[in-house]
Amino acid sequence: HAFAFEPITAASGAAYFRIRNGGTAADTVLEATSPVARAASFHGSSMAHLHALEIPPGGEVELKPGALHLMLTDFSALPHAGESLAVTLRFARAGSVTLQIPVRRYGQ
């Protein structure tokens, strides 16, 4: 169910997905990066920057519009609807995981 809306400008865009922790210990997302964005950070519904994102053991955290999301800023190349956006998450325990997030038009 991962997706990102096609950014209107190179200034910023957002990605939404679910992170599941199948382990027996909590894990923390320490960093998110994308090769097409200068910066990526997690933001809550109040747009406050979160420095880390803890995933409880056996639990999940959902990023969705109007709530927790991954904000991507200063795109070097705008992703377009129908393409995929690469995002790498670096976890404290699980290491790095790269996602290919489908891009869709806003409102789809």
N, C-alpha and C. Protein backbone atom coordinates (compact mmCIF):
# COMPACT_ATOMS: atom_id res chain seq x y z
N HIS A 1 0.81 -1.20 0.00
CA HIS A 1 0.00 0.00 0.00
C HIS A 1 0.85 1.26 0.00
N ALA A 2 2.12 1.15 -0.27
CA ALA A 2 2.99 2.33 -0.30
C ALA A 2 2.67 3.18 -1.52
N PHE A 3 2.78 4.51 -1.35
CA PHE A 3 2.63 5.41 -2.49
C PHE A 3 3.18 6.78 -2.13
N ALA A 4 3.45 7.54 -3.17
CA ALA A 4 3.84 8.95 -3.03
C ALA A 4 3.04 9.71 -4.07
N PHE A 5 2.58 10.90 -3.70
CA PHE A 5 1.92 11.74 -4.69
C PHE A 5 2.98 12.42 -5.55
N GLU A 6 2.65 12.61 -6.82
CA GLU A 6 3.52 13.33 -7.74
C GLU A 6 3.70 14.76 -7.21
N PRO A 7 4.94 15.17 -6.92
CA PRO A 7 5.15 16.53 -6.39
C PRO A 7 4.79 17.59 -7.43
N ILE A 8 4.21 18.68 -6.96
CA ILE A 8 3.85 19.78 -7.86
C ILE A 8 5.08 20.61 -8.18
N THR A 9 5.97 20.78 -7.21
CA THR A 9 7.22 21.53 -7.41
C THR A 9 8.37 20.70 -6.87
N ALA A 10 9.58 21.15 -7.18
CA ALA A 10 10.77 20.45 -6.69
C ALA A 10 11.02 20.70 -5.21
N ALA A 11 10.26 21.60 -4.60
CA ALA A 11 10.50 21.96 -3.20
C ALA A 11 10.22 20.82 -2.24
N SER A 12 9.07 20.12 -2.41
CA SER A 12 8.76 19.05 -1.46
C SER A 12 7.68 18.12 -1.97
N GLY A 13 7.65 16.95 -1.36
CA GLY A 13 6.64 15.94 -1.63
C GLY A 13 6.59 15.00 -0.44
N ALA A 14 5.66 14.07 -0.45
CA ALA A 14 5.52 13.16 0.69
C ALA A 14 5.32 11.74 0.22
N ALA A 15 5.72 10.80 1.08
CA ALA A 15 5.54 9.37 0.81
C ALA A 15 4.85 8.73 2.00
N TYR A 16 4.07 7.71 1.69
CA TYR A 16 3.24 7.04 2.70
C TYR A 16 3.41 5.54 2.57
N PHE A 17 3.56 4.86 3.70
CA PHE A 17 3.73 3.42 3.69
C PHE A 17 3.59 2.90 5.12
N ARG A 18 3.60 1.60 5.26
CA ARG A 18 3.50 0.96 6.56
C ARG A 18 4.83 0.26 6.84
N ILE A 19 5.32 0.41 8.08
CA ILE A 19 6.54 -0.25 8.50
C ILE A 19 6.16 -1.29 9.55
N ARG A 20 6.47 -2.54 9.28
CA ARG A 20 6.17 -3.62 10.22
C ARG A 20 7.45 -4.15 10.83
N ASN A 21 7.38 -4.46 12.11
CA ASN A 21 8.50 -5.05 12.83
C ASN A 21 8.09 -6.46 13.23
N GLY A 22 8.60 -7.46 12.54
CA GLY A 22 8.29 -8.86 12.84
C GLY A 22 9.17 -9.44 13.92
N GLY A 23 10.06 -8.63 14.48
CA GLY A 23 10.98 -9.12 15.49
C GLY A 23 10.40 -9.07 16.90
N THR A 24 11.22 -9.51 17.85
CA THR A 24 10.81 -9.54 19.25
C THR A 24 11.36 -8.37 20.05
N ALA A 25 12.12 -7.49 19.38
CA ALA A 25 12.68 -6.29 20.03
C ALA A 25 12.28 -5.07 19.20
N ALA A 26 12.13 -3.94 19.86
CA ALA A 26 11.83 -2.70 19.16
C ALA A 26 12.97 -2.35 18.22
N ASP A 27 12.65 -1.66 17.14
CA ASP A 27 13.66 -1.17 16.22
C ASP A 27 13.35 0.29 15.95
N THR A 28 14.33 1.03 15.51
CA THR A 28 14.17 2.46 15.29
C THR A 28 14.66 2.82 13.90
N VAL A 29 13.83 3.56 13.16
CA VAL A 29 14.28 4.12 11.89
C VAL A 29 15.10 5.36 12.24
N LEU A 30 16.38 5.32 11.90
CA LEU A 30 17.29 6.40 12.23
C LEU A 30 17.39 7.45 11.14
N GLU A 31 17.13 7.00 9.89
CA GLU A 31 17.34 7.90 8.76
C GLU A 31 16.58 7.39 7.55
N ALA A 32 16.14 8.33 6.72
CA ALA A 32 15.54 8.01 5.43
C ALA A 32 16.27 8.84 4.38
N THR A 33 16.54 8.24 3.22
CA THR A 33 17.20 8.95 2.13
C THR A 33 16.56 8.53 0.81
N SER A 34 16.73 9.38 -0.18
CA SER A 34 16.29 9.08 -1.54
C SER A 34 17.30 9.68 -2.50
N PRO A 35 17.66 8.97 -3.56
CA PRO A 35 18.64 9.52 -4.49
C PRO A 35 18.14 10.74 -5.27
N VAL A 36 16.83 11.00 -5.26
CA VAL A 36 16.30 12.14 -6.01
C VAL A 36 15.89 13.32 -5.13
N ALA A 37 16.10 13.21 -3.81
CA ALA A 37 15.76 14.30 -2.89
C ALA A 37 16.97 14.63 -2.02
N ARG A 38 17.17 15.91 -1.79
CA ARG A 38 18.31 16.33 -0.97
C ARG A 38 18.13 15.92 0.48
N ALA A 39 16.87 15.92 0.94
CA ALA A 39 16.61 15.57 2.34
C ALA A 39 15.31 14.78 2.45
N ALA A 40 15.24 13.97 3.49
CA ALA A 40 14.04 13.19 3.80
C ALA A 40 13.92 13.11 5.32
N SER A 41 12.73 13.39 5.83
CA SER A 41 12.53 13.34 7.27
C SER A 41 11.08 12.99 7.58
N PHE A 42 10.90 12.40 8.74
CA PHE A 42 9.56 12.03 9.19
C PHE A 42 8.91 13.21 9.89
N HIS A 43 7.62 13.42 9.60
CA HIS A 43 6.87 14.51 10.20
C HIS A 43 5.55 13.97 10.72
N GLY A 44 5.13 14.48 11.87
CA GLY A 44 3.83 14.14 12.42
C GLY A 44 2.75 15.00 11.79
N SER A 45 1.52 14.83 12.23
CA SER A 45 0.41 15.58 11.66
C SER A 45 0.56 17.08 11.89
N SER A 46 1.30 17.47 12.91
CA SER A 46 1.53 18.89 13.18
C SER A 46 2.71 19.43 12.38
N MET A 47 3.27 18.62 11.51
CA MET A 47 4.44 18.94 10.69
C MET A 47 5.72 19.05 11.51
N ALA A 48 5.68 18.63 12.77
CA ALA A 48 6.89 18.63 13.59
C ALA A 48 7.83 17.53 13.11
N HIS A 49 9.10 17.85 12.98
CA HIS A 49 10.11 16.89 12.55
C HIS A 49 10.37 15.87 13.65
N LEU A 50 10.39 14.60 13.29
CA LEU A 50 10.71 13.53 14.24
C LEU A 50 12.14 13.08 13.96
N HIS A 51 12.98 13.03 14.97
CA HIS A 51 14.38 12.67 14.78
C HIS A 51 14.58 11.18 14.58
N ALA A 52 13.66 10.37 15.08
CA ALA A 52 13.73 8.91 14.92
C ALA A 52 12.30 8.39 15.01
N LEU A 53 12.11 7.20 14.49
CA LEU A 53 10.78 6.60 14.47
C LEU A 53 10.88 5.20 15.04
N GLU A 54 10.34 4.99 16.24
CA GLU A 54 10.43 3.68 16.88
C GLU A 54 9.28 2.78 16.42
N ILE A 55 9.65 1.53 16.10
CA ILE A 55 8.69 0.52 15.68
C ILE A 55 8.66 -0.54 16.78
N PRO A 56 7.53 -0.72 17.46
CA PRO A 56 7.48 -1.67 18.57
C PRO A 56 7.64 -3.11 18.09
N PRO A 57 8.11 -4.00 18.97
CA PRO A 57 8.25 -5.41 18.59
C PRO A 57 6.89 -5.99 18.22
N GLY A 58 6.84 -6.68 17.08
CA GLY A 58 5.59 -7.27 16.61
C GLY A 58 4.57 -6.25 16.18
N GLY A 59 4.95 -4.99 16.07
CA GLY A 59 4.00 -3.93 15.75
C GLY A 59 4.29 -3.27 14.43
N GLU A 60 3.57 -2.19 14.18
CA GLU A 60 3.75 -1.45 12.95
C GLU A 60 3.44 0.02 13.16
N VAL A 61 3.95 0.82 12.25
CA VAL A 61 3.66 2.24 12.21
C VAL A 61 3.21 2.55 10.79
N GLU A 62 2.08 3.25 10.68
CA GLU A 62 1.55 3.58 9.36
C GLU A 62 1.73 5.06 9.06
N LEU A 63 2.28 5.35 7.90
CA LEU A 63 2.43 6.71 7.41
C LEU A 63 1.30 6.92 6.42
N LYS A 64 0.50 7.99 6.61
CA LYS A 64 -0.64 8.22 5.74
C LYS A 64 -0.93 9.71 5.62
N PRO A 65 -1.64 10.11 4.57
CA PRO A 65 -1.95 11.53 4.38
C PRO A 65 -2.68 12.11 5.60
N GLY A 66 -2.29 13.33 5.97
CA GLY A 66 -2.91 14.01 7.10
C GLY A 66 -2.40 13.54 8.44
N ALA A 67 -1.43 12.66 8.45
CA ALA A 67 -0.88 12.12 9.69
C ALA A 67 0.64 11.99 9.52
N LEU A 68 1.22 11.03 10.18
CA LEU A 68 2.65 10.77 10.06
C LEU A 68 2.98 10.49 8.59
N HIS A 69 4.06 11.10 8.09
CA HIS A 69 4.47 10.91 6.70
C HIS A 69 5.97 11.14 6.56
N LEU A 70 6.50 10.72 5.41
CA LEU A 70 7.89 10.99 5.09
C LEU A 70 7.92 12.18 4.14
N MET A 71 8.53 13.27 4.58
CA MET A 71 8.64 14.48 3.77
C MET A 71 9.96 14.43 3.01
N LEU A 72 9.89 14.61 1.71
CA LEU A 72 11.06 14.66 0.84
C LEU A 72 11.19 16.08 0.31
N THR A 73 12.39 16.64 0.35
CA THR A 73 12.57 18.03 -0.06
C THR A 73 13.70 18.20 -1.06
N ASP A 74 13.59 19.26 -1.83
CA ASP A 74 14.61 19.65 -2.82
C ASP A 74 14.92 18.51 -3.79
N PHE A 75 13.92 18.16 -4.59
CA PHE A 75 14.10 17.10 -5.58
C PHE A 75 15.08 17.53 -6.67
N SER A 76 15.98 16.63 -7.04
CA SER A 76 16.89 16.87 -8.16
C SER A 76 16.21 16.47 -9.46
N ALA A 77 15.26 15.55 -9.38
CA ALA A 77 14.46 15.12 -10.52
C ALA A 77 13.07 14.79 -9.98
N LEU A 78 12.05 15.41 -10.55
CA LEU A 78 10.69 15.17 -10.07
C LEU A 78 10.21 13.78 -10.48
N PRO A 79 9.74 12.98 -9.53
CA PRO A 79 9.14 11.70 -9.88
C PRO A 79 7.74 11.96 -10.46
N HIS A 80 7.38 11.22 -11.49
CA HIS A 80 6.09 11.38 -12.15
C HIS A 80 5.20 10.18 -11.92
N ALA A 81 3.91 10.41 -12.03
CA ALA A 81 2.92 9.33 -11.87
C ALA A 81 3.28 8.18 -12.80
N GLY A 82 3.20 6.97 -12.27
CA GLY A 82 3.56 5.77 -13.02
C GLY A 82 4.99 5.31 -12.78
N GLU A 83 5.81 6.17 -12.22
CA GLU A 83 7.19 5.81 -11.90
C GLU A 83 7.27 5.32 -10.45
N SER A 84 8.46 4.90 -10.06
CA SER A 84 8.72 4.52 -8.66
C SER A 84 9.73 5.46 -8.06
N LEU A 85 9.60 5.69 -6.78
CA LEU A 85 10.50 6.55 -6.02
C LEU A 85 11.28 5.66 -5.05
N ALA A 86 12.60 5.64 -5.18
CA ALA A 86 13.43 4.84 -4.27
C ALA A 86 13.63 5.59 -2.96
N VAL A 87 13.38 4.89 -1.85
CA VAL A 87 13.60 5.44 -0.51
C VAL A 87 14.31 4.36 0.31
N THR A 88 15.40 4.72 0.94
CA THR A 88 16.13 3.79 1.80
C THR A 88 15.92 4.20 3.25
N LEU A 89 15.51 3.24 4.07
CA LEU A 89 15.34 3.44 5.50
C LEU A 89 16.49 2.75 6.21
N ARG A 90 17.13 3.44 7.15
CA ARG A 90 18.22 2.85 7.93
C ARG A 90 17.71 2.62 9.35
N PHE A 91 17.68 1.35 9.73
CA PHE A 91 17.19 0.94 11.05
C PHE A 91 18.37 0.70 12.00
N ALA A 92 18.13 0.90 13.29
CA ALA A 92 19.16 0.64 14.30
C ALA A 92 19.51 -0.84 14.36
N ARG A 93 18.53 -1.72 14.21
CA ARG A 93 18.77 -3.16 14.33
C ARG A 93 18.76 -3.87 12.98
N ALA A 94 17.83 -3.54 12.12
CA ALA A 94 17.63 -4.29 10.87
C ALA A 94 18.53 -3.84 9.73
N GLY A 95 19.29 -2.77 9.92
CA GLY A 95 20.14 -2.28 8.83
C GLY A 95 19.34 -1.45 7.84
N SER A 96 19.75 -1.45 6.60
CA SER A 96 19.10 -0.63 5.58
C SER A 96 18.14 -1.45 4.72
N VAL A 97 17.02 -0.82 4.41
CA VAL A 97 16.00 -1.44 3.56
C VAL A 97 15.61 -0.39 2.51
N THR A 98 15.64 -0.77 1.23
CA THR A 98 15.26 0.15 0.17
C THR A 98 13.88 -0.23 -0.35
N LEU A 99 13.01 0.78 -0.41
CA LEU A 99 11.65 0.62 -0.92
C LEU A 99 11.56 1.24 -2.31
N GLN A 100 10.74 0.67 -3.17
CA GLN A 100 10.39 1.27 -4.45
C GLN A 100 8.93 1.68 -4.32
N ILE A 101 8.69 2.96 -4.14
CA ILE A 101 7.36 3.47 -3.83
C ILE A 101 6.69 3.98 -5.11
N PRO A 102 5.54 3.42 -5.47
CA PRO A 102 4.84 3.89 -6.67
C PRO A 102 4.39 5.34 -6.52
N VAL A 103 4.54 6.11 -7.59
CA VAL A 103 4.13 7.50 -7.60
C VAL A 103 2.78 7.59 -8.32
N ARG A 104 1.85 8.34 -7.73
CA ARG A 104 0.54 8.54 -8.34
C ARG A 104 0.19 10.02 -8.37
N ARG A 105 -0.74 10.36 -9.23
CA ARG A 105 -1.23 11.73 -9.29
C ARG A 105 -1.97 12.06 -7.99
N TYR A 106 -1.90 13.32 -7.58
CA TYR A 106 -2.58 13.74 -6.37
C TYR A 106 -4.08 13.45 -6.49
N GLY A 107 -4.63 12.87 -5.46
CA GLY A 107 -6.06 12.54 -5.45
C GLY A 107 -6.39 11.15 -5.93
N GLN A 108 -5.41 10.41 -6.44
CA GLN A 108 -5.67 9.03 -6.88
C GLN A 108 -5.42 8.05 -5.77
